[in-house]
């Protein structure tokens, strides 16, 4: 069952391309969001299964083009009762990343299909 559980992470790509954030700062946003969602849902059975084999965790990191796209995803997930954490960087109050709670891929994949894999040209 652990192999069918996936965690989706969606990071704003414009933080790098338009806003010129350092790559390390953008990576930190994803780390904040994934840590927060794991803490928030630490007792969830899917999270427990996901964490039971840390050497074989499956994450998919995707790119949202901007804050509006990330916010729309957040609202869609909230309406569908899909557990997640929208990370909003403080004190700037800037939404930067969204991490979904690890869940069976077949249950959550459809919400993330419109996003492309996150990539950066270094």
PDB file of N, CA and C in Angstrom:
ATOM      1  N   UNK A   1       0.814  -1.198   0.000  1.00  0.00           N
ATOM      2  CA  UNK A   1       0.000   0.000   0.000  1.00  0.00           C
ATOM      3  C   UNK A   1       0.857   1.261   0.000  1.00  0.00           C
ATOM      4  N   UNK A   2       2.010   1.242   0.661  1.00  0.00           N
ATOM      5  CA  UNK A   2       2.853   2.429   0.737  1.00  0.00           C
ATOM      6  C   UNK A   2       3.248   2.928  -0.644  1.00  0.00           C
ATOM      7  N   UNK A   3       3.444   2.043  -1.587  1.00  0.00           N
ATOM      8  CA  UNK A   3       3.860   2.463  -2.922  1.00  0.00           C
ATOM      9  C   UNK A   3       2.763   3.210  -3.666  1.00  0.00           C
ATOM     10  N   UNK A   4       1.504   3.046  -3.270  1.00  0.00           N
ATOM     11  CA  UNK A   4       0.422   3.759  -3.936  1.00  0.00           C
ATOM     12  C   UNK A   4       0.129   5.107  -3.278  1.00  0.00           C
ATOM     13  N   UNK A   5       0.823   5.399  -2.198  1.00  0.00           N
ATOM     14  CA  UNK A   5       0.630   6.666  -1.501  1.00  0.00           C
ATOM     15  C   UNK A   5       1.656   7.665  -2.014  1.00  0.00           C
ATOM     16  N   UNK A   6       1.167   8.863  -2.327  1.00  0.00           N
ATOM     17  CA  UNK A   6       2.028   9.896  -2.896  1.00  0.00           C
ATOM     18  C   UNK A   6       1.766  11.215  -2.184  1.00  0.00           C
ATOM     19  N   UNK A   7       2.800  12.038  -2.152  1.00  0.00           N
ATOM     20  CA  UNK A   7       2.638  13.399  -1.647  1.00  0.00           C
ATOM     21  C   UNK A   7       2.897  14.360  -2.793  1.00  0.00           C
ATOM     22  N   UNK A   8       1.937  15.228  -3.052  1.00  0.00           N
ATOM     23  CA  UNK A   8       2.097  16.263  -4.067  1.00  0.00           C
ATOM     24  C   UNK A   8       2.521  17.556  -3.397  1.00  0.00           C
ATOM     25  N   UNK A   9       3.512  18.204  -3.997  1.00  0.00           N
ATOM     26  CA  UNK A   9       4.020  19.477  -3.518  1.00  0.00           C
ATOM     27  C   UNK A   9       4.000  20.427  -4.723  1.00  0.00           C
ATOM     28  N   UNK A  10       3.368  21.574  -4.558  1.00  0.00           N
ATOM     29  CA  UNK A  10       3.250  22.535  -5.654  1.00  0.00           C
ATOM     30  C   UNK A  10       3.911  23.837  -5.222  1.00  0.00           C
ATOM     31  N   UNK A  11       4.935  24.231  -5.960  1.00  0.00           N
ATOM     32  CA  UNK A  11       5.739  25.404  -5.643  1.00  0.00           C
ATOM     33  C   UNK A  11       5.534  26.454  -6.730  1.00  0.00           C
ATOM     34  N   UNK A  12       5.448  27.693  -6.352  1.00  0.00           N
ATOM     35  CA  UNK A  12       5.322  28.774  -7.335  1.00  0.00           C
ATOM     36  C   UNK A  12       6.622  28.940  -8.112  1.00  0.00           C
ATOM     37  N   UNK A  13       6.569  28.744  -9.401  1.00  0.00           N
ATOM     38  CA  UNK A  13       7.775  28.893 -10.221  1.00  0.00           C
ATOM     39  C   UNK A  13       8.135  30.358 -10.435  1.00  0.00           C
ATOM     40  N   UNK A  14       7.165  31.269 -10.339  1.00  0.00           N
ATOM     41  CA  UNK A  14       7.475  32.681 -10.542  1.00  0.00           C
ATOM     42  C   UNK A  14       8.317  33.271  -9.419  1.00  0.00           C
ATOM     43  N   UNK A  15       8.421  32.548  -8.305  1.00  0.00           N
ATOM     44  CA  UNK A  15       9.320  33.025  -7.242  1.00  0.00           C
ATOM     45  C   UNK A  15      10.747  33.111  -7.765  1.00  0.00           C
ATOM     46  N   UNK A  16      11.098  32.187  -8.657  1.00  0.00           N
ATOM     47  CA  UNK A  16      12.438  32.169  -9.241  1.00  0.00           C
ATOM     48  C   UNK A  16      12.493  33.029 -10.507  1.00  0.00           C
ATOM     49  N   UNK A  17      11.538  32.820 -11.414  1.00  0.00           N
ATOM     50  CA  UNK A  17      11.620  33.452 -12.734  1.00  0.00           C
ATOM     51  C   UNK A  17      11.316  34.942 -12.720  1.00  0.00           C
ATOM     52  N   UNK A  18      10.316  35.349 -11.979  1.00  0.00           N
ATOM     53  CA  UNK A  18       9.889  36.748 -11.990  1.00  0.00           C
ATOM     54  C   UNK A  18      10.376  37.515 -10.768  1.00  0.00           C
ATOM     55  N   UNK A  19      10.207  36.917  -9.602  1.00  0.00           N
ATOM     56  CA  UNK A  19      10.538  37.608  -8.361  1.00  0.00           C
ATOM     57  C   UNK A  19      12.003  37.457  -7.958  1.00  0.00           C
ATOM     58  N   UNK A  20      12.707  36.553  -8.653  1.00  0.00           N
ATOM     59  CA  UNK A  20      14.165  36.375  -8.470  1.00  0.00           C
ATOM     60  C   UNK A  20      14.557  35.979  -7.049  1.00  0.00           C
ATOM     61  N   UNK A  21      13.750  35.104  -6.441  1.00  0.00           N
ATOM     62  CA  UNK A  21      14.132  34.564  -5.139  1.00  0.00           C
ATOM     63  C   UNK A  21      15.311  33.617  -5.339  1.00  0.00           C
ATOM     64  N   UNK A  22      16.215  33.548  -4.375  1.00  0.00           N
ATOM     65  CA  UNK A  22      17.289  32.557  -4.457  1.00  0.00           C
ATOM     66  C   UNK A  22      16.704  31.137  -4.419  1.00  0.00           C
ATOM     67  N   UNK A  23      17.340  30.220  -5.121  1.00  0.00           N
ATOM     68  CA  UNK A  23      16.853  28.844  -5.186  1.00  0.00           C
ATOM     69  C   UNK A  23      16.710  28.227  -3.794  1.00  0.00           C
ATOM     70  N   UNK A  24      17.664  28.477  -2.925  1.00  0.00           N
ATOM     71  CA  UNK A  24      17.603  27.932  -1.572  1.00  0.00           C
ATOM     72  C   UNK A  24      16.372  28.400  -0.812  1.00  0.00           C
ATOM     73  N   UNK A  25      15.996  29.653  -0.997  1.00  0.00           N
ATOM     74  CA  UNK A  25      14.802  30.186  -0.331  1.00  0.00           C
ATOM     75  C   UNK A  25      13.543  29.496  -0.844  1.00  0.00           C
ATOM     76  N   UNK A  26      13.503  29.187  -2.130  1.00  0.00           N
ATOM     77  CA  UNK A  26      12.343  28.504  -2.709  1.00  0.00           C
ATOM     78  C   UNK A  26      12.278  27.062  -2.203  1.00  0.00           C
ATOM     79  N   UNK A  27      13.417  26.405  -2.144  1.00  0.00           N
ATOM     80  CA  UNK A  27      13.452  25.046  -1.603  1.00  0.00           C
ATOM     81  C   UNK A  27      12.984  25.049  -0.148  1.00  0.00           C
ATOM     82  N   UNK A  28      13.377  26.061   0.604  1.00  0.00           N
ATOM     83  CA  UNK A  28      12.943  26.160   2.006  1.00  0.00           C
ATOM     84  C   UNK A  28      11.425  26.244   2.113  1.00  0.00           C
ATOM     85  N   UNK A  29      10.771  26.908   1.154  1.00  0.00           N
ATOM     86  CA  UNK A  29       9.308  27.011   1.181  1.00  0.00           C
ATOM     87  C   UNK A  29       8.675  25.622   1.073  1.00  0.00           C
ATOM     88  N   UNK A  30       9.207  24.802   0.182  1.00  0.00           N
ATOM     89  CA  UNK A  30       8.693  23.434   0.035  1.00  0.00           C
ATOM     90  C   UNK A  30       8.947  22.631   1.304  1.00  0.00           C
ATOM     91  N   UNK A  31      10.113  22.830   1.902  1.00  0.00           N
ATOM     92  CA  UNK A  31      10.420  22.123   3.154  1.00  0.00           C
ATOM     93  C   UNK A  31       9.457  22.547   4.263  1.00  0.00           C
ATOM     94  N   UNK A  32       9.175  23.846   4.358  1.00  0.00           N
ATOM     95  CA  UNK A  32       8.230  24.332   5.373  1.00  0.00           C
ATOM     96  C   UNK A  32       6.862  23.685   5.184  1.00  0.00           C
ATOM     97  N   UNK A  33       6.377  23.690   3.944  1.00  0.00           N
ATOM     98  CA  UNK A  33       5.031  23.172   3.666  1.00  0.00           C
ATOM     99  C   UNK A  33       4.937  21.678   3.943  1.00  0.00           C
ATOM    100  N   UNK A  34       5.944  20.910   3.519  1.00  0.00           N
ATOM    101  CA  UNK A  34       5.873  19.462   3.733  1.00  0.00           C
ATOM    102  C   UNK A  34       6.014  19.113   5.215  1.00  0.00           C
ATOM    103  N   UNK A  35       6.863  19.819   5.927  1.00  0.00           N
ATOM    104  CA  UNK A  35       7.001  19.573   7.361  1.00  0.00           C
ATOM    105  C   UNK A  35       5.702  19.907   8.075  1.00  0.00           C
ATOM    106  N   UNK A  36       5.102  21.029   7.718  1.00  0.00           N
ATOM    107  CA  UNK A  36       3.865  21.462   8.371  1.00  0.00           C
ATOM    108  C   UNK A  36       2.730  20.466   8.131  1.00  0.00           C
ATOM    109  N   UNK A  37       2.570  20.009   6.890  1.00  0.00           N
ATOM    110  CA  UNK A  37       1.460  19.095   6.604  1.00  0.00           C
ATOM    111  C   UNK A  37       1.668  17.753   7.310  1.00  0.00           C
ATOM    112  N   UNK A  38       2.905  17.299   7.413  1.00  0.00           N
ATOM    113  CA  UNK A  38       3.166  16.044   8.129  1.00  0.00           C
ATOM    114  C   UNK A  38       2.839  16.192   9.612  1.00  0.00           C
ATOM    115  N   UNK A  39       3.180  17.354  10.174  1.00  0.00           N
ATOM    116  CA  UNK A  39       2.871  17.578  11.585  1.00  0.00           C
ATOM    117  C   UNK A  39       1.359  17.677  11.802  1.00  0.00           C
ATOM    118  N   UNK A  40       0.686  18.431  10.953  1.00  0.00           N
ATOM    119  CA  UNK A  40      -0.753  18.626  11.104  1.00  0.00           C
ATOM    120  C   UNK A  40      -1.539  17.318  11.033  1.00  0.00           C
ATOM    121  N   UNK A  41      -1.072  16.396  10.197  1.00  0.00           N
ATOM    122  CA  UNK A  41      -1.811  15.156   9.963  1.00  0.00           C
ATOM    123  C   UNK A  41      -1.030  13.914  10.408  1.00  0.00           C
ATOM    124  N   UNK A  42      -0.178  14.084  11.422  1.00  0.00           N
ATOM    125  CA  UNK A  42       0.725  13.009  11.848  1.00  0.00           C
ATOM    126  C   UNK A  42       0.014  11.736  12.288  1.00  0.00           C
ATOM    127  N   UNK A  43      -1.222  11.844  12.727  1.00  0.00           N
ATOM    128  CA  UNK A  43      -1.958  10.667  13.188  1.00  0.00           C
ATOM    129  C   UNK A  43      -2.797  10.016  12.093  1.00  0.00           C
ATOM    130  N   UNK A  44      -2.807  10.592  10.910  1.00  0.00           N
ATOM    131  CA  UNK A  44      -3.576  10.043   9.795  1.00  0.00           C
ATOM    132  C   UNK A  44      -2.979   8.703   9.356  1.00  0.00           C
ATOM    133  N   UNK A  45      -3.793   7.705   9.089  1.00  0.00           N
ATOM    134  CA  UNK A  45      -3.278   6.386   8.689  1.00  0.00           C
ATOM    135  C   UNK A  45      -2.433   6.418   7.409  1.00  0.00           C
ATOM    136  N   UNK A  46      -2.796   7.264   6.458  1.00  0.00           N
ATOM    137  CA  UNK A  46      -1.995   7.340   5.230  1.00  0.00           C
ATOM    138  C   UNK A  46      -0.615   7.952   5.505  1.00  0.00           C
ATOM    139  N   UNK A  47      -0.584   8.946   6.365  1.00  0.00           N
ATOM    140  CA  UNK A  47       0.701   9.550   6.745  1.00  0.00           C
ATOM    141  C   UNK A  47       1.549   8.522   7.471  1.00  0.00           C
ATOM    142  N   UNK A  48       0.944   7.763   8.373  1.00  0.00           N
ATOM    143  CA  UNK A  48       1.683   6.745   9.108  1.00  0.00           C
ATOM    144  C   UNK A  48       2.256   5.688   8.158  1.00  0.00           C
ATOM    145  N   UNK A  49       1.461   5.280   7.191  1.00  0.00           N
ATOM    146  CA  UNK A  49       1.944   4.306   6.204  1.00  0.00           C
ATOM    147  C   UNK A  49       3.077   4.900   5.385  1.00  0.00           C
ATOM    148  N   UNK A  50       2.909   6.133   4.951  1.00  0.00           N
ATOM    149  CA  UNK A  50       3.911   6.830   4.145  1.00  0.00           C
ATOM    150  C   UNK A  50       5.244   6.924   4.893  1.00  0.00           C
ATOM    151  N   UNK A  51       5.159   7.220   6.164  1.00  0.00           N
ATOM    152  CA  UNK A  51       6.367   7.389   6.976  1.00  0.00           C
ATOM    153  C   UNK A  51       6.946   6.074   7.484  1.00  0.00           C
ATOM    154  N   UNK A  52       6.229   4.987   7.285  1.00  0.00           N
ATOM    155  CA  UNK A  52       6.713   3.697   7.787  1.00  0.00           C
ATOM    156  C   UNK A  52       7.866   3.156   6.944  1.00  0.00           C
ATOM    157  N   UNK A  53       8.079   3.726   5.769  1.00  0.00           N
ATOM    158  CA  UNK A  53       9.168   3.286   4.887  1.00  0.00           C
ATOM    159  C   UNK A  53       9.805   4.524   4.257  1.00  0.00           C
ATOM    160  N   UNK A  54      10.558   5.264   5.075  1.00  0.00           N
ATOM    161  CA  UNK A  54      11.082   6.560   4.629  1.00  0.00           C
ATOM    162  C   UNK A  54      12.055   6.462   3.456  1.00  0.00           C
ATOM    163  N   UNK A  55      12.628   5.307   3.225  1.00  0.00           N
ATOM    164  CA  UNK A  55      13.541   5.157   2.093  1.00  0.00           C
ATOM    165  C   UNK A  55      12.808   5.008   0.762  1.00  0.00           C
ATOM    166  N   UNK A  56      11.492   4.891   0.819  1.00  0.00           N
ATOM    167  CA  UNK A  56      10.717   4.707  -0.412  1.00  0.00           C
ATOM    168  C   UNK A  56       9.537   5.663  -0.524  1.00  0.00           C
ATOM    169  N   UNK A  57       9.664   6.844   0.070  1.00  0.00           N
ATOM    170  CA  UNK A  57       8.603   7.840  -0.045  1.00  0.00           C
ATOM    171  C   UNK A  57       8.502   8.305  -1.498  1.00  0.00           C
ATOM    172  N   UNK A  58       7.281   8.624  -1.925  1.00  0.00           N
ATOM    173  CA  UNK A  58       7.060   9.101  -3.289  1.00  0.00           C
ATOM    174  C   UNK A  58       6.461  10.498  -3.226  1.00  0.00           C
ATOM    175  N   UNK A  59       7.237  11.478  -3.696  1.00  0.00           N
ATOM    176  CA  UNK A  59       6.776  12.861  -3.778  1.00  0.00           C
ATOM    177  C   UNK A  59       6.792  13.280  -5.231  1.00  0.00           C
ATOM    178  N   UNK A  60       5.834  14.128  -5.601  1.00  0.00           N
ATOM    179  CA  UNK A  60       5.804  14.724  -6.923  1.00  0.00           C
ATOM    180  C   UNK A  60       5.812  16.230  -6.704  1.00  0.00           C
ATOM    181  N   UNK A  61       6.846  16.895  -7.217  1.00  0.00           N
ATOM    182  CA  UNK A  61       6.980  18.342  -7.042  1.00  0.00           C
ATOM    183  C   UNK A  61       6.593  19.013  -8.353  1.00  0.00           C
ATOM    184  N   UNK A  62       5.571  19.849  -8.260  1.00  0.00           N
ATOM    185  CA  UNK A  62       4.990  20.490  -9.428  1.00  0.00           C
ATOM    186  C   UNK A  62       5.141  22.004  -9.337  1.00  0.00           C
ATOM    187  N   UNK A  63       4.932  22.683 -10.459  1.00  0.00           N
ATOM    188  CA  UNK A  63       5.082  24.138 -10.524  1.00  0.00           C
ATOM    189  C   UNK A  63       3.733  24.804 -10.752  1.00  0.00           C
ATOM    190  N   UNK A  64       3.426  25.770  -9.916  1.00  0.00           N
ATOM    191  CA  UNK A  64       2.300  26.673 -10.155  1.00  0.00           C
ATOM    192  C   UNK A  64       2.899  27.948 -10.735  1.00  0.00           C
ATOM    193  N   UNK A  65       2.308  28.509 -11.776  1.00  0.00           N
ATOM    194  CA  UNK A  65       2.923  29.668 -12.414  1.00  0.00           C
ATOM    195  C   UNK A  65       2.924  30.931 -11.564  1.00  0.00           C
ATOM    196  N   UNK A  66       1.971  31.044 -10.621  1.00  0.00           N
ATOM    197  CA  UNK A  66       1.885  32.272  -9.831  1.00  0.00           C
ATOM    198  C   UNK A  66       1.006  32.057  -8.600  1.00  0.00           C
ATOM    199  N   UNK A  67       0.861  33.115  -7.810  1.00  0.00           N
ATOM    200  CA  UNK A  67       0.081  33.027  -6.572  1.00  0.00           C
ATOM    201  C   UNK A  67      -1.384  32.711  -6.849  1.00  0.00           C
ATOM    202  N   UNK A  68      -1.943  33.259  -7.920  1.00  0.00           N
ATOM    203  CA  UNK A  68      -3.348  33.005  -8.230  1.00  0.00           C
ATOM    204  C   UNK A  68      -3.601  31.522  -8.488  1.00  0.00           C
ATOM    205  N   UNK A  69      -2.733  30.883  -9.246  1.00  0.00           N
ATOM    206  CA  UNK A  69      -2.888  29.454  -9.541  1.00  0.00           C
ATOM    207  C   UNK A  69      -2.772  28.629  -8.263  1.00  0.00           C
ATOM    208  N   UNK A  70      -1.857  29.001  -7.397  1.00  0.00           N
ATOM    209  CA  UNK A  70      -1.682  28.277  -6.139  1.00  0.00           C
ATOM    210  C   UNK A  70      -2.908  28.455  -5.243  1.00  0.00           C
ATOM    211  N   UNK A  71      -3.437  29.654  -5.202  1.00  0.00           N
ATOM    212  CA  UNK A  71      -4.620  29.937  -4.394  1.00  0.00           C
ATOM    213  C   UNK A  71      -5.846  29.202  -4.939  1.00  0.00           C
ATOM    214  N   UNK A  72      -5.990  29.137  -6.261  1.00  0.00           N
ATOM    215  CA  UNK A  72      -7.108  28.389  -6.851  1.00  0.00           C
ATOM    216  C   UNK A  72      -7.012  26.903  -6.504  1.00  0.00           C
ATOM    217  N   UNK A  73      -5.803  26.354  -6.543  1.00  0.00           N
ATOM    218  CA  UNK A  73      -5.617  24.959  -6.158  1.00  0.00           C
ATOM    219  C   UNK A  73      -6.005  24.757  -4.697  1.00  0.00           C
ATOM    220  N   UNK A  74      -5.548  25.641  -3.837  1.00  0.00           N
ATOM    221  CA  UNK A  74      -5.879  25.583  -2.410  1.00  0.00           C
ATOM    222  C   UNK A  74      -7.396  25.568  -2.208  1.00  0.00           C
ATOM    223  N   UNK A  75      -8.090  26.450  -2.904  1.00  0.00           N
ATOM    224  CA  UNK A  75      -9.550  26.525  -2.769  1.00  0.00           C
ATOM    225  C   UNK A  75     -10.221  25.252  -3.290  1.00  0.00           C
ATOM    226  N   UNK A  76      -9.734  24.721  -4.410  1.00  0.00           N
ATOM    227  CA  UNK A  76     -10.309  23.487  -4.968  1.00  0.00           C
ATOM    228  C   UNK A  76     -10.100  22.313  -4.010  1.00  0.00           C
ATOM    229  N   UNK A  77      -8.919  22.222  -3.432  1.00  0.00           N
ATOM    230  CA  UNK A  77      -8.648  21.145  -2.486  1.00  0.00           C
ATOM    231  C   UNK A  77      -9.491  21.282  -1.231  1.00  0.00           C
ATOM    232  N   UNK A  78      -9.633  22.502  -0.770  1.00  0.00           N
ATOM    233  CA  UNK A  78     -10.455  22.733   0.418  1.00  0.00           C
ATOM    234  C   UNK A  78     -11.908  22.337   0.145  1.00  0.00           C
ATOM    235  N   UNK A  79     -12.434  22.727  -1.010  1.00  0.00           N
ATOM    236  CA  UNK A  79     -13.814  22.377  -1.370  1.00  0.00           C
ATOM    237  C   UNK A  79     -14.001  20.865  -1.495  1.00  0.00           C
ATOM    238  N   UNK A  80     -12.962  20.166  -1.941  1.00  0.00           N
ATOM    239  CA  UNK A  80     -13.034  18.711  -2.111  1.00  0.00           C
ATOM    240  C   UNK A  80     -12.637  17.956  -0.844  1.00  0.00           C
ATOM    241  N   UNK A  81     -12.342  18.677   0.220  1.00  0.00           N
ATOM    242  CA  UNK A  81     -11.930  18.084   1.498  1.00  0.00           C
ATOM    243  C   UNK A  81     -10.665  17.236   1.357  1.00  0.00           C
ATOM    244  N   UNK A  82      -9.723  17.722   0.548  1.00  0.00           N
ATOM    245  CA  UNK A  82      -8.411  17.082   0.410  1.00  0.00           C
ATOM    246  C   UNK A  82      -7.464  17.802   1.373  1.00  0.00           C
ATOM    247  N   UNK A  83      -6.954  17.067   2.339  1.00  0.00           N
ATOM    248  CA  UNK A  83      -6.086  17.660   3.360  1.00  0.00           C
ATOM    249  C   UNK A  83      -4.781  18.149   2.745  1.00  0.00           C
ATOM    250  N   UNK A  84      -4.388  19.353   3.130  1.00  0.00           N
ATOM    251  CA  UNK A  84      -3.173  19.967   2.601  1.00  0.00           C
ATOM    252  C   UNK A  84      -2.786  21.146   3.486  1.00  0.00           C
ATOM    253  N   UNK A  85      -1.635  21.726   3.187  1.00  0.00           N
ATOM    254  CA  UNK A  85      -1.187  22.939   3.869  1.00  0.00           C
ATOM    255  C   UNK A  85      -0.709  23.923   2.814  1.00  0.00           C
ATOM    256  N   UNK A  86      -1.325  25.085   2.789  1.00  0.00           N
ATOM    257  CA  UNK A  86      -0.840  26.185   1.961  1.00  0.00           C
ATOM    258  C   UNK A  86       0.155  26.955   2.809  1.00  0.00           C
ATOM    259  N   UNK A  87       1.407  26.983   2.361  1.00  0.00           N
ATOM    260  CA  UNK A  87       2.415  27.718   3.122  1.00  0.00           C
ATOM    261  C   UNK A  87       2.388  29.171   2.680  1.00  0.00           C
ATOM    262  N   UNK A  88       2.236  30.063   3.652  1.00  0.00           N
ATOM    263  CA  UNK A  88       2.219  31.500   3.403  1.00  0.00           C
ATOM    264  C   UNK A  88       3.399  32.086   4.169  1.00  0.00           C
ATOM    265  N   UNK A  89       4.372  32.555   3.435  1.00  0.00           N
ATOM    266  CA  UNK A  89       5.598  33.084   4.047  1.00  0.00           C
ATOM    267  C   UNK A  89       5.286  34.375   4.801  1.00  0.00           C
ATOM    268  N   UNK A  90       5.783  34.429   6.030  1.00  0.00           N
ATOM    269  CA  UNK A  90       5.582  35.600   6.883  1.00  0.00           C
ATOM    270  C   UNK A  90       6.920  36.267   7.153  1.00  0.00           C
ATOM    271  N   UNK A  91       6.999  37.540   7.361  1.00  0.00           N
ATOM    272  CA  UNK A  91       5.872  38.462   7.533  1.00  0.00           C
ATOM    273  C   UNK A  91       5.322  39.021   6.206  1.00  0.00           C
ATOM    274  N   UNK A  92       5.846  38.549   5.093  1.00  0.00           N
ATOM    275  CA  UNK A  92       5.445  39.097   3.801  1.00  0.00           C
ATOM    276  C   UNK A  92       4.004  38.754   3.421  1.00  0.00           C
ATOM    277  N   UNK A  93       3.442  37.687   4.037  1.00  0.00           N
ATOM    278  CA  UNK A  93       2.093  37.214   3.734  1.00  0.00           C
ATOM    279  C   UNK A  93       1.967  36.793   2.270  1.00  0.00           C
ATOM    280  N   UNK A  94       2.971  36.036   1.804  1.00  0.00           N
ATOM    281  CA  UNK A  94       3.043  35.599   0.409  1.00  0.00           C
ATOM    282  C   UNK A  94       2.831  34.088   0.341  1.00  0.00           C
ATOM    283  N   UNK A  95       1.761  33.623  -0.348  1.00  0.00           N
ATOM    284  CA  UNK A  95       1.605  32.177  -0.529  1.00  0.00           C
ATOM    285  C   UNK A  95       2.686  31.666  -1.484  1.00  0.00           C
ATOM    286  N   UNK A  96       3.435  30.658  -1.038  1.00  0.00           N
ATOM    287  CA  UNK A  96       4.595  30.207  -1.823  1.00  0.00           C
ATOM    288  C   UNK A  96       4.521  28.752  -2.259  1.00  0.00           C
ATOM    289  N   UNK A  97       3.867  27.916  -1.477  1.00  0.00           N
ATOM    290  CA  UNK A  97       3.911  26.482  -1.727  1.00  0.00           C
ATOM    291  C   UNK A  97       2.693  25.819  -1.104  1.00  0.00           C
ATOM    292  N   UNK A  98       2.318  24.703  -1.680  1.00  0.00           N
ATOM    293  CA  UNK A  98       1.225  23.902  -1.135  1.00  0.00           C
ATOM    294  C   UNK A  98       1.702  22.453  -1.082  1.00  0.00           C
ATOM    295  N   UNK A  99       1.507  21.838   0.060  1.00  0.00           N
ATOM    296  CA  UNK A  99       1.845  20.419   0.210  1.00  0.00           C
ATOM    297  C   UNK A  99       0.576  19.666   0.586  1.00  0.00           C
ATOM    298  N   UNK A 100       0.269  18.657  -0.187  1.00  0.00           N
ATOM    299  CA  UNK A 100      -0.868  17.796   0.125  1.00  0.00           C
ATOM    300  C   UNK A 100      -0.431  16.740   1.132  1.00  0.00           C
ATOM    301  N   UNK A 101      -1.352  16.330   1.949  1.00  0.00           N
ATOM    302  CA  UNK A 101      -1.093  15.218   2.862  1.00  0.00           C
ATOM    303  C   UNK A 101      -0.873  13.968   2.013  1.00  0.00           C
ATOM    304  N   UNK A 102       0.098  13.140   2.335  1.00  0.00           N
ATOM    305  CA  UNK A 102       0.247  11.882   1.596  1.00  0.00           C
ATOM    306  C   UNK A 102      -1.079  11.126   1.570  1.00  0.00           C
ATOM    307  N   UNK A 103      -1.427  10.651   0.378  1.00  0.00           N
ATOM    308  CA  UNK A 103      -2.706   9.974   0.187  1.00  0.00           C
ATOM    309  C   UNK A 103      -2.592   9.024  -0.992  1.00  0.00           C
ATOM    310  N   UNK A 104      -3.525   8.097  -1.112  1.00  0.00           N
ATOM    311  CA  UNK A 104      -3.503   7.217  -2.282  1.00  0.00           C
ATOM    312  C   UNK A 104      -3.576   8.036  -3.569  1.00  0.00           C
ATOM    313  N   UNK A 105      -2.697   7.727  -4.480  1.00  0.00           N
ATOM    314  CA  UNK A 105      -2.593   8.477  -5.734  1.00  0.00           C
ATOM    315  C   UNK A 105      -3.933   8.540  -6.467  1.00  0.00           C
ATOM    316  N   UNK A 106      -4.646   7.429  -6.492  1.00  0.00           N
ATOM    317  CA  UNK A 106      -5.920   7.381  -7.227  1.00  0.00           C
ATOM    318  C   UNK A 106      -6.947   8.357  -6.658  1.00  0.00           C
ATOM    319  N   UNK A 107      -6.804   8.746  -5.408  1.00  0.00           N
ATOM    320  CA  UNK A 107      -7.758   9.657  -4.781  1.00  0.00           C
ATOM    321  C   UNK A 107      -7.446  11.124  -5.026  1.00  0.00           C
ATOM    322  N   UNK A 108      -6.171  11.458  -5.252  1.00  0.00           N
ATOM    323  CA  UNK A 108      -5.802  12.880  -5.309  1.00  0.00           C
ATOM    324  C   UNK A 108      -5.170  13.336  -6.622  1.00  0.00           C
ATOM    325  N   UNK A 109      -4.745  12.425  -7.426  1.00  0.00           N
ATOM    326  CA  UNK A 109      -4.008  12.752  -8.646  1.00  0.00           C
ATOM    327  C   UNK A 109      -4.749  13.749  -9.539  1.00  0.00           C
ATOM    328  N   UNK A 110      -6.059  13.631  -9.652  1.00  0.00           N
ATOM    329  CA  UNK A 110      -6.831  14.465 -10.573  1.00  0.00           C
ATOM    330  C   UNK A 110      -6.725  15.961 -10.259  1.00  0.00           C
ATOM    331  N   UNK A 111      -6.467  16.314  -9.018  1.00  0.00           N
ATOM    332  CA  UNK A 111      -6.378  17.724  -8.645  1.00  0.00           C
ATOM    333  C   UNK A 111      -5.070  18.378  -9.106  1.00  0.00           C
ATOM    334  N   UNK A 112      -4.089  17.562  -9.452  1.00  0.00           N
ATOM    335  CA  UNK A 112      -2.759  18.070  -9.761  1.00  0.00           C
ATOM    336  C   UNK A 112      -2.369  17.908 -11.228  1.00  0.00           C
ATOM    337  N   UNK A 113      -3.230  17.320 -12.039  1.00  0.00           N
ATOM    338  CA  UNK A 113      -2.888  16.989 -13.429  1.00  0.00           C
ATOM    339  C   UNK A 113      -2.545  18.196 -14.291  1.00  0.00           C
ATOM    340  N   UNK A 114      -3.086  19.355 -14.000  1.00  0.00           N
ATOM    341  CA  UNK A 114      -2.837  20.516 -14.864  1.00  0.00           C
ATOM    342  C   UNK A 114      -1.481  21.178 -14.605  1.00  0.00           C
ATOM    343  N   UNK A 115      -0.787  20.751 -13.561  1.00  0.00           N
ATOM    344  CA  UNK A 115       0.504  21.346 -13.228  1.00  0.00           C
ATOM    345  C   UNK A 115       1.642  20.508 -13.809  1.00  0.00           C
ATOM    346  N   UNK A 116       2.691  21.191 -14.258  1.00  0.00           N
ATOM    347  CA  UNK A 116       3.862  20.509 -14.804  1.00  0.00           C
ATOM    348  C   UNK A 116       4.875  20.256 -13.699  1.00  0.00           C
ATOM    349  N   UNK A 117       5.761  19.294 -13.950  1.00  0.00           N
ATOM    350  CA  UNK A 117       6.847  19.044 -13.003  1.00  0.00           C
ATOM    351  C   UNK A 117       7.666  20.319 -12.807  1.00  0.00           C
ATOM    352  N   UNK A 118       8.040  20.572 -11.565  1.00  0.00           N
ATOM    353  CA  UNK A 118       8.860  21.740 -11.270  1.00  0.00           C
ATOM    354  C   UNK A 118      10.260  21.508 -11.824  1.00  0.00           C
ATOM    355  N   UNK A 119      10.770  22.501 -12.514  1.00  0.00           N
ATOM    356  CA  UNK A 119      12.134  22.390 -13.029  1.00  0.00           C
ATOM    357  C   UNK A 119      12.750  23.771 -13.064  1.00  0.00           C
ATOM    358  N   UNK A 120      14.049  23.775 -12.957  1.00  0.00           N
ATOM    359  CA  UNK A 120      14.769  25.045 -12.940  1.00  0.00           C
ATOM    360  C   UNK A 120      16.030  24.861 -13.763  1.00  0.00           C
ATOM    361  N   UNK A 121      16.312  25.830 -14.583  1.00  0.00           N
ATOM    362  CA  UNK A 121      17.551  25.778 -15.357  1.00  0.00           C
ATOM    363  C   UNK A 121      18.640  26.473 -14.566  1.00  0.00           C
ATOM    364  N   UNK A 122      19.617  25.697 -14.151  1.00  0.00           N
ATOM    365  CA  UNK A 122      20.721  26.283 -13.349  1.00  0.00           C
ATOM    366  C   UNK A 122      21.930  26.554 -14.208  1.00  0.00           C
TER     367      UNK A 122
END
